[in-house]
Amino acid sequence: MLDFIHPDAIGGVAAVLTTIAFLPQVIKSWRSGSTRDVSLGMFLILNTGIVLWLIYGLALGSLPLILANAVTLFLTGTIMFLKIRGDRPR
């Protein structure tokens, strides 16, 4: 059906978009010093899934999966670290 679009191109764009989607939250949390509205449970589950995707990418030797999930894990891990560390007083 979508023969004119290469699957790797779609996967690449999807990987970039889903990875950078966390950047605004990282920046906001870092600048404000607050993660009050961020769910720790959601980020624990999400980071577990990302670690599994990263392991899967390593097992397949898939550089796009490895890179996308390593960067995503860094970004979501930063948010989770800030959440666990706790809100800074203003």
PDB file of N, CA and C in Angstrom:
ATOM      1  N   MET A   1       0.805  -1.187   0.000  1.00  0.00           N
ATOM      2  CA  MET A   1       0.000   0.000   0.000  1.00  0.00           C
ATOM      3  C   MET A   1       0.857   1.262   0.000  1.00  0.00           C
ATOM      4  N   LEU A   2       1.861   1.301   0.840  1.00  0.00           N
ATOM      5  CA  LEU A   2       2.755   2.456   0.891  1.00  0.00           C
ATOM      6  C   LEU A   2       4.115   2.094   0.291  1.00  0.00           C
ATOM      7  N   ASP A   3       4.092   1.512  -0.873  1.00  0.00           N
ATOM      8  CA  ASP A   3       5.317   1.039  -1.513  1.00  0.00           C
ATOM      9  C   ASP A   3       6.302   2.155  -1.830  1.00  0.00           C
ATOM     10  N   PHE A   4       5.823   3.379  -1.925  1.00  0.00           N
ATOM     11  CA  PHE A   4       6.690   4.494  -2.286  1.00  0.00           C
ATOM     12  C   PHE A   4       7.475   5.022  -1.075  1.00  0.00           C
ATOM     13  N   ILE A   5       7.143   4.557   0.136  1.00  0.00           N
ATOM     14  CA  ILE A   5       7.847   4.978   1.344  1.00  0.00           C
ATOM     15  C   ILE A   5       8.636   3.797   1.893  1.00  0.00           C
ATOM     16  N   HIS A   6       9.924   3.994   2.109  1.00  0.00           N
ATOM     17  CA  HIS A   6      10.771   2.923   2.640  1.00  0.00           C
ATOM     18  C   HIS A   6      10.480   2.747   4.130  1.00  0.00           C
ATOM     19  N   PRO A   7      10.303   1.508   4.579  1.00  0.00           N
ATOM     20  CA  PRO A   7      10.007   1.262   5.998  1.00  0.00           C
ATOM     21  C   PRO A   7      11.053   1.850   6.946  1.00  0.00           C
ATOM     22  N   ASP A   8      12.333   1.844   6.552  1.00  0.00           N
ATOM     23  CA  ASP A   8      13.367   2.409   7.410  1.00  0.00           C
ATOM     24  C   ASP A   8      13.204   3.915   7.574  1.00  0.00           C
ATOM     25  N   ALA A   9      12.672   4.573   6.538  1.00  0.00           N
ATOM     26  CA  ALA A   9      12.429   6.016   6.635  1.00  0.00           C
ATOM     27  C   ALA A   9      11.322   6.288   7.649  1.00  0.00           C
ATOM     28  N   ILE A  10      10.278   5.502   7.600  1.00  0.00           N
ATOM     29  CA  ILE A  10       9.179   5.653   8.553  1.00  0.00           C
ATOM     30  C   ILE A  10       9.681   5.359   9.970  1.00  0.00           C
ATOM     31  N   GLY A  11      10.426   4.283  10.111  1.00  0.00           N
ATOM     32  CA  GLY A  11      10.981   3.923  11.419  1.00  0.00           C
ATOM     33  C   GLY A  11      11.928   4.986  11.946  1.00  0.00           C
ATOM     34  N   GLY A  12      12.719   5.561  11.062  1.00  0.00           N
ATOM     35  CA  GLY A  12      13.656   6.609  11.475  1.00  0.00           C
ATOM     36  C   GLY A  12      12.944   7.852  11.969  1.00  0.00           C
ATOM     37  N   VAL A  13      11.932   8.275  11.236  1.00  0.00           N
ATOM     38  CA  VAL A  13      11.162   9.454  11.645  1.00  0.00           C
ATOM     39  C   VAL A  13      10.433   9.161  12.957  1.00  0.00           C
ATOM     40  N   ALA A  14       9.848   7.985  13.078  1.00  0.00           N
ATOM     41  CA  ALA A  14       9.160   7.604  14.314  1.00  0.00           C
ATOM     42  C   ALA A  14      10.126   7.600  15.492  1.00  0.00           C
ATOM     43  N   ALA A  15      11.314   7.065  15.297  1.00  0.00           N
ATOM     44  CA  ALA A  15      12.310   7.018  16.371  1.00  0.00           C
ATOM     45  C   ALA A  15      12.714   8.418  16.816  1.00  0.00           C
ATOM     46  N   VAL A  16      12.936   9.304  15.855  1.00  0.00           N
ATOM     47  CA  VAL A  16      13.320  10.681  16.188  1.00  0.00           C
ATOM     48  C   VAL A  16      12.200  11.379  16.951  1.00  0.00           C
ATOM     49  N   LEU A  17      10.976  11.262  16.457  1.00  0.00           N
ATOM     50  CA  LEU A  17       9.849  11.946  17.088  1.00  0.00           C
ATOM     51  C   LEU A  17       9.561  11.429  18.499  1.00  0.00           C
ATOM     52  N   THR A  18       9.547  10.112  18.672  1.00  0.00           N
ATOM     53  CA  THR A  18       9.253   9.570  19.994  1.00  0.00           C
ATOM     54  C   THR A  18      10.393   9.828  20.973  1.00  0.00           C
ATOM     55  N   THR A  19      11.602   9.978  20.468  1.00  0.00           N
ATOM     56  CA  THR A  19      12.740  10.280  21.329  1.00  0.00           C
ATOM     57  C   THR A  19      12.718  11.737  21.771  1.00  0.00           C
ATOM     58  N   ILE A  20      12.569  12.657  20.825  1.00  0.00           N
ATOM     59  CA  ILE A  20      12.615  14.078  21.187  1.00  0.00           C
ATOM     60  C   ILE A  20      11.336  14.541  21.880  1.00  0.00           C
ATOM     61  N   ALA A  21      10.306  13.717  21.891  1.00  0.00           N
ATOM     62  CA  ALA A  21       9.066  14.085  22.573  1.00  0.00           C
ATOM     63  C   ALA A  21       9.302  14.347  24.056  1.00  0.00           C
ATOM     64  N   PHE A  22      10.317  13.747  24.633  1.00  0.00           N
ATOM     65  CA  PHE A  22      10.598  13.919  26.054  1.00  0.00           C
ATOM     66  C   PHE A  22      11.459  15.142  26.344  1.00  0.00           C
ATOM     67  N   LEU A  23      12.056  15.723  25.339  1.00  0.00           N
ATOM     68  CA  LEU A  23      12.938  16.870  25.536  1.00  0.00           C
ATOM     69  C   LEU A  23      12.234  18.058  26.191  1.00  0.00           C
ATOM     70  N   PRO A  24      11.040  18.456  25.759  1.00  0.00           N
ATOM     71  CA  PRO A  24      10.376  19.578  26.431  1.00  0.00           C
ATOM     72  C   PRO A  24      10.143  19.333  27.924  1.00  0.00           C
ATOM     73  N   GLN A  25       9.805  18.099  28.299  1.00  0.00           N
ATOM     74  CA  GLN A  25       9.584  17.796  29.717  1.00  0.00           C
ATOM     75  C   GLN A  25      10.885  17.865  30.504  1.00  0.00           C
ATOM     76  N   VAL A  26      11.971  17.375  29.909  1.00  0.00           N
ATOM     77  CA  VAL A  26      13.274  17.459  30.570  1.00  0.00           C
ATOM     78  C   VAL A  26      13.641  18.923  30.805  1.00  0.00           C
ATOM     79  N   ILE A  27      13.500  19.742  29.772  1.00  0.00           N
ATOM     80  CA  ILE A  27      13.852  21.161  29.878  1.00  0.00           C
ATOM     81  C   ILE A  27      12.970  21.857  30.921  1.00  0.00           C
ATOM     82  N   LYS A  28      11.672  21.601  30.874  1.00  0.00           N
ATOM     83  CA  LYS A  28      10.753  22.235  31.825  1.00  0.00           C
ATOM     84  C   LYS A  28      11.067  21.819  33.256  1.00  0.00           C
ATOM     85  N   SER A  29      11.277  20.527  33.472  1.00  0.00           N
ATOM     86  CA  SER A  29      11.567  20.032  34.814  1.00  0.00           C
ATOM     87  C   SER A  29      12.894  20.568  35.335  1.00  0.00           C
ATOM     88  N   TRP A  30      13.877  20.617  34.461  1.00  0.00           N
ATOM     89  CA  TRP A  30      15.205  21.109  34.849  1.00  0.00           C
ATOM     90  C   TRP A  30      15.149  22.589  35.227  1.00  0.00           C
ATOM     91  N   ARG A  31      14.495  23.380  34.385  1.00  0.00           N
ATOM     92  CA  ARG A  31      14.418  24.830  34.631  1.00  0.00           C
ATOM     93  C   ARG A  31      13.583  25.174  35.855  1.00  0.00           C
ATOM     94  N   SER A  32      12.452  24.522  36.006  1.00  0.00           N
ATOM     95  CA  SER A  32      11.537  24.862  37.098  1.00  0.00           C
ATOM     96  C   SER A  32      11.950  24.217  38.415  1.00  0.00           C
ATOM     97  N   GLY A  33      12.717  23.124  38.318  1.00  0.00           N
ATOM     98  CA  GLY A  33      13.081  22.394  39.527  1.00  0.00           C
ATOM     99  C   GLY A  33      11.914  21.614  40.098  1.00  0.00           C
ATOM    100  N   SER A  34      10.845  21.471  39.315  1.00  0.00           N
ATOM    101  CA  SER A  34       9.654  20.798  39.805  1.00  0.00           C
ATOM    102  C   SER A  34       9.238  19.656  38.883  1.00  0.00           C
ATOM    103  N   THR A  35       8.953  18.531  39.509  1.00  0.00           N
ATOM    104  CA  THR A  35       8.397  17.382  38.783  1.00  0.00           C
ATOM    105  C   THR A  35       7.105  16.944  39.473  1.00  0.00           C
ATOM    106  N   ARG A  36       6.484  17.873  40.163  1.00  0.00           N
ATOM    107  CA  ARG A  36       5.290  17.586  40.967  1.00  0.00           C
ATOM    108  C   ARG A  36       4.214  16.874  40.150  1.00  0.00           C
ATOM    109  N   ASP A  37       4.018  17.271  38.916  1.00  0.00           N
ATOM    110  CA  ASP A  37       2.940  16.705  38.098  1.00  0.00           C
ATOM    111  C   ASP A  37       3.380  15.505  37.256  1.00  0.00           C
ATOM    112  N   VAL A  38       4.591  15.026  37.475  1.00  0.00           N
ATOM    113  CA  VAL A  38       5.111  13.889  36.725  1.00  0.00           C
ATOM    114  C   VAL A  38       4.872  12.623  37.548  1.00  0.00           C
ATOM    115  N   SER A  39       4.344  11.601  36.906  1.00  0.00           N
ATOM    116  CA  SER A  39       4.058  10.339  37.588  1.00  0.00           C
ATOM    117  C   SER A  39       5.302   9.458  37.635  1.00  0.00           C
ATOM    118  N   LEU A  40       5.785   9.187  38.847  1.00  0.00           N
ATOM    119  CA  LEU A  40       6.944   8.312  39.003  1.00  0.00           C
ATOM    120  C   LEU A  40       6.625   6.903  38.508  1.00  0.00           C
ATOM    121  N   GLY A  41       5.429   6.412  38.822  1.00  0.00           N
ATOM    122  CA  GLY A  41       5.043   5.068  38.380  1.00  0.00           C
ATOM    123  C   GLY A  41       5.085   4.921  36.870  1.00  0.00           C
ATOM    124  N   MET A  42       4.579   5.925  36.181  1.00  0.00           N
ATOM    125  CA  MET A  42       4.596   5.880  34.715  1.00  0.00           C
ATOM    126  C   MET A  42       6.023   5.848  34.198  1.00  0.00           C
ATOM    127  N   PHE A  43       6.903   6.656  34.774  1.00  0.00           N
ATOM    128  CA  PHE A  43       8.285   6.688  34.293  1.00  0.00           C
ATOM    129  C   PHE A  43       9.056   5.426  34.661  1.00  0.00           C
ATOM    130  N   LEU A  44       8.726   4.788  35.779  1.00  0.00           N
ATOM    131  CA  LEU A  44       9.344   3.507  36.117  1.00  0.00           C
ATOM    132  C   LEU A  44       8.970   2.446  35.084  1.00  0.00           C
ATOM    133  N   ILE A  45       7.687   2.393  34.748  1.00  0.00           N
ATOM    134  CA  ILE A  45       7.224   1.431  33.744  1.00  0.00           C
ATOM    135  C   ILE A  45       7.823   1.765  32.375  1.00  0.00           C
ATOM    136  N   LEU A  46       7.785   3.034  32.004  1.00  0.00           N
ATOM    137  CA  LEU A  46       8.320   3.462  30.710  1.00  0.00           C
ATOM    138  C   LEU A  46       9.806   3.136  30.592  1.00  0.00           C
ATOM    139  N   ASN A  47      10.587   3.466  31.618  1.00  0.00           N
ATOM    140  CA  ASN A  47      12.026   3.196  31.555  1.00  0.00           C
ATOM    141  C   ASN A  47      12.325   1.707  31.497  1.00  0.00           C
ATOM    142  N   THR A  48      11.526   0.902  32.172  1.00  0.00           N
ATOM    143  CA  THR A  48      11.697  -0.549  32.084  1.00  0.00           C
ATOM    144  C   THR A  48      11.469  -1.009  30.639  1.00  0.00           C
ATOM    145  N   GLY A  49      10.417  -0.502  30.017  1.00  0.00           N
ATOM    146  CA  GLY A  49      10.150  -0.837  28.617  1.00  0.00           C
ATOM    147  C   GLY A  49      11.266  -0.380  27.691  1.00  0.00           C
ATOM    148  N   ILE A  50      11.795   0.815  27.932  1.00  0.00           N
ATOM    149  CA  ILE A  50      12.875   1.332  27.083  1.00  0.00           C
ATOM    150  C   ILE A  50      14.135   0.481  27.241  1.00  0.00           C
ATOM    151  N   VAL A  51      14.434   0.074  28.474  1.00  0.00           N
ATOM    152  CA  VAL A  51      15.586  -0.809  28.689  1.00  0.00           C
ATOM    153  C   VAL A  51      15.402  -2.111  27.912  1.00  0.00           C
ATOM    154  N   LEU A  52      14.189  -2.662  27.939  1.00  0.00           N
ATOM    155  CA  LEU A  52      13.928  -3.894  27.198  1.00  0.00           C
ATOM    156  C   LEU A  52      14.060  -3.674  25.687  1.00  0.00           C
ATOM    157  N   TRP A  53      13.568  -2.537  25.176  1.00  0.00           N
ATOM    158  CA  TRP A  53      13.744  -2.219  23.756  1.00  0.00           C
ATOM    159  C   TRP A  53      15.232  -2.092  23.410  1.00  0.00           C
ATOM    160  N   LEU A  54      15.992  -1.485  24.317  1.00  0.00           N
ATOM    161  CA  LEU A  54      17.430  -1.340  24.091  1.00  0.00           C
ATOM    162  C   LEU A  54      18.109  -2.706  24.044  1.00  0.00           C
ATOM    163  N   ILE A  55      17.754  -3.583  24.963  1.00  0.00           N
ATOM    164  CA  ILE A  55      18.295  -4.949  24.955  1.00  0.00           C
ATOM    165  C   ILE A  55      17.913  -5.665  23.664  1.00  0.00           C
ATOM    166  N   TYR A  56      16.674  -5.495  23.240  1.00  0.00           N
ATOM    167  CA  TYR A  56      16.200  -6.090  21.995  1.00  0.00           C
ATOM    168  C   TYR A  56      17.017  -5.567  20.805  1.00  0.00           C
ATOM    169  N   GLY A  57      17.235  -4.260  20.770  1.00  0.00           N
ATOM    170  CA  GLY A  57      18.043  -3.671  19.701  1.00  0.00           C
ATOM    171  C   GLY A  57      19.467  -4.204  19.709  1.00  0.00           C
ATOM    172  N   LEU A  58      20.035  -4.358  20.901  1.00  0.00           N
ATOM    173  CA  LEU A  58      21.389  -4.920  21.011  1.00  0.00           C
ATOM    174  C   LEU A  58      21.417  -6.368  20.520  1.00  0.00           C
ATOM    175  N   ALA A  59      20.387  -7.145  20.886  1.00  0.00           N
ATOM    176  CA  ALA A  59      20.311  -8.548  20.464  1.00  0.00           C
ATOM    177  C   ALA A  59      20.208  -8.661  18.945  1.00  0.00           C
ATOM    178  N   LEU A  60      19.482  -7.725  18.326  1.00  0.00           N
ATOM    179  CA  LEU A  60      19.333  -7.734  16.870  1.00  0.00           C
ATOM    180  C   LEU A  60      20.514  -7.082  16.162  1.00  0.00           C
ATOM    181  N   GLY A  61      21.284  -6.307  16.913  1.00  0.00           N
ATOM    182  CA  GLY A  61      22.356  -5.537  16.295  1.00  0.00           C
ATOM    183  C   GLY A  61      21.807  -4.398  15.444  1.00  0.00           C
ATOM    184  N   SER A  62      20.660  -3.857  15.848  1.00  0.00           N
ATOM    185  CA  SER A  62      19.987  -2.803  15.091  1.00  0.00           C
ATOM    186  C   SER A  62      20.402  -1.436  15.622  1.00  0.00           C
ATOM    187  N   LEU A  63      21.267  -0.760  14.886  1.00  0.00           N
ATOM    188  CA  LEU A  63      21.765   0.543  15.318  1.00  0.00           C
ATOM    189  C   LEU A  63      20.639   1.560  15.531  1.00  0.00           C
ATOM    190  N   PRO A  64      19.634   1.641  14.645  1.00  0.00           N
ATOM    191  CA  PRO A  64      18.544   2.595  14.906  1.00  0.00           C
ATOM    192  C   PRO A  64      17.811   2.323  16.225  1.00  0.00           C
ATOM    193  N   LEU A  65      17.536   1.061  16.512  1.00  0.00           N
ATOM    194  CA  LEU A  65      16.872   0.722  17.775  1.00  0.00           C
ATOM    195  C   LEU A  65      17.769   1.049  18.964  1.00  0.00           C
ATOM    196  N   ILE A  66      19.035   0.755  18.837  1.00  0.00           N
ATOM    197  CA  ILE A  66      19.977   1.007  19.920  1.00  0.00           C
ATOM    198  C   ILE A  66      20.089   2.507  20.195  1.00  0.00           C
ATOM    199  N   LEU A  67      20.322   3.287  19.138  1.00  0.00           N
ATOM    200  CA  LEU A  67      20.505   4.732  19.319  1.00  0.00           C
ATOM    201  C   LEU A  67      19.246   5.412  19.836  1.00  0.00           C
ATOM    202  N   ALA A  68      18.121   5.106  19.228  1.00  0.00           N
ATOM    203  CA  ALA A  68      16.863   5.747  19.636  1.00  0.00           C
ATOM    204  C   ALA A  68      16.543   5.437  21.092  1.00  0.00           C
ATOM    205  N   ASN A  69      16.707   4.199  21.489  1.00  0.00           N
ATOM    206  CA  ASN A  69      16.358   3.828  22.847  1.00  0.00           C
ATOM    207  C   ASN A  69      17.394   4.283  23.862  1.00  0.00           C
ATOM    208  N   ALA A  70      18.650   4.363  23.477  1.00  0.00           N
ATOM    209  CA  ALA A  70      19.674   4.888  24.386  1.00  0.00           C
ATOM    210  C   ALA A  70      19.418   6.368  24.676  1.00  0.00           C
ATOM    211  N   VAL A  71      19.110   7.140  23.644  1.00  0.00           N
ATOM    212  CA  VAL A  71      18.830   8.569  23.837  1.00  0.00           C
ATOM    213  C   VAL A  71      17.533   8.750  24.623  1.00  0.00           C
ATOM    214  N   THR A  72      16.510   7.986  24.274  1.00  0.00           N
ATOM    215  CA  THR A  72      15.240   8.079  24.994  1.00  0.00           C
ATOM    216  C   THR A  72      15.428   7.717  26.463  1.00  0.00           C
ATOM    217  N   LEU A  73      16.198   6.677  26.740  1.00  0.00           N
ATOM    218  CA  LEU A  73      16.451   6.272  28.124  1.00  0.00           C
ATOM    219  C   LEU A  73      17.184   7.378  28.885  1.00  0.00           C
ATOM    220  N   PHE A  74      18.110   8.056  28.228  1.00  0.00           N
ATOM    221  CA  PHE A  74      18.803   9.171  28.863  1.00  0.00           C
ATOM    222  C   PHE A  74      17.811  10.277  29.230  1.00  0.00           C
ATOM    223  N   LEU A  75      16.936  10.633  28.288  1.00  0.00           N
ATOM    224  CA  LEU A  75      15.974  11.715  28.534  1.00  0.00           C
ATOM    225  C   LEU A  75      14.956  11.332  29.607  1.00  0.00           C
ATOM    226  N   THR A  76      14.366  10.153  29.483  1.00  0.00           N
ATOM    227  CA  THR A  76      13.366   9.737  30.470  1.00  0.00           C
ATOM    228  C   THR A  76      14.025   9.430  31.812  1.00  0.00           C
ATOM    229  N   GLY A  77      15.253   8.944  31.766  1.00  0.00           N
ATOM    230  CA  GLY A  77      15.997   8.710  33.003  1.00  0.00           C
ATOM    231  C   GLY A  77      16.299  10.004  33.731  1.00  0.00           C
ATOM    232  N   THR A  78      16.554  11.067  32.969  1.00  0.00           N
ATOM    233  CA  THR A  78      16.782  12.385  33.571  1.00  0.00           C
ATOM    234  C   THR A  78      15.530  12.858  34.293  1.00  0.00           C
ATOM    235  N   ILE A  79      14.386  12.710  33.649  1.00  0.00           N
ATOM    236  CA  ILE A  79      13.127  13.112  34.280  1.00  0.00           C
ATOM    237  C   ILE A  79      12.897  12.284  35.548  1.00  0.00           C
ATOM    238  N   MET A  80      13.126  10.985  35.457  1.00  0.00           N
ATOM    239  CA  MET A  80      12.911  10.118  36.614  1.00  0.00           C
ATOM    240  C   MET A  80      13.885  10.468  37.746  1.00  0.00           C
ATOM    241  N   PHE A  81      15.133  10.763  37.407  1.00  0.00           N
ATOM    242  CA  PHE A  81      16.111  11.180  38.411  1.00  0.00           C
ATOM    243  C   PHE A  81      15.646  12.448  39.117  1.00  0.00           C
ATOM    244  N   LEU A  82      15.187  13.422  38.333  1.00  0.00           N
ATOM    245  CA  LEU A  82      14.706  14.671  38.923  1.00  0.00           C
ATOM    246  C   LEU A  82      13.498  14.422  39.824  1.00  0.00           C
ATOM    247  N   LYS A  83      12.636  13.507  39.413  1.00  0.00           N
ATOM    248  CA  LYS A  83      11.451  13.165  40.210  1.00  0.00           C
ATOM    249  C   LYS A  83      11.858  12.506  41.523  1.00  0.00           C
ATOM    250  N   ILE A  84      12.770  11.550  41.456  1.00  0.00           N
ATOM    251  CA  ILE A  84      13.207  10.841  42.655  1.00  0.00           C
ATOM    252  C   ILE A  84      13.972  11.779  43.588  1.00  0.00           C
ATOM    253  N   ARG A  85      14.789  12.629  43.022  1.00  0.00           N
ATOM    254  CA  ARG A  85      15.546  13.607  43.804  1.00  0.00           C
ATOM    255  C   ARG A  85      14.616  14.541  44.563  1.00  0.00           C
ATOM    256  N   GLY A  86      13.466  14.798  44.003  1.00  0.00           N
ATOM    257  CA  GLY A  86      12.467  15.639  44.658  1.00  0.00           C
ATOM    258  C   GLY A  86      12.517  17.061  44.169  1.00  0.00           C
ATOM    259  N   ASP A  87      11.443  17.727  44.385  1.00  0.00           N
ATOM    260  CA  ASP A  87      11.339  19.127  43.976  1.00  0.00           C
ATOM    261  C   ASP A  87      12.272  20.001  44.792  1.00  0.00           C
ATOM    262  N   ARG A  88      12.896  20.922  44.119  1.00  0.00           N
ATOM    263  CA  ARG A  88      13.758  21.893  44.789  1.00  0.00           C
ATOM    264  C   ARG A  88      12.898  23.047  45.281  1.00  0.00           C
ATOM    265  N   PRO A  89      13.226  23.576  46.442  1.00  0.00           N
ATOM    266  CA  PRO A  89      12.469  24.759  46.889  1.00  0.00           C
ATOM    267  C   PRO A  89      12.733  25.943  45.965  1.00  0.00           C
ATOM    268  N   ARG A  90      11.723  26.750  45.778  1.00  0.00           N
ATOM    269  CA  ARG A  90      11.866  27.897  44.881  1.00  0.00           C
ATOM    270  C   ARG A  90      12.450  29.077  45.606  1.00  0.00           C
TER     271      ARG A  90
END
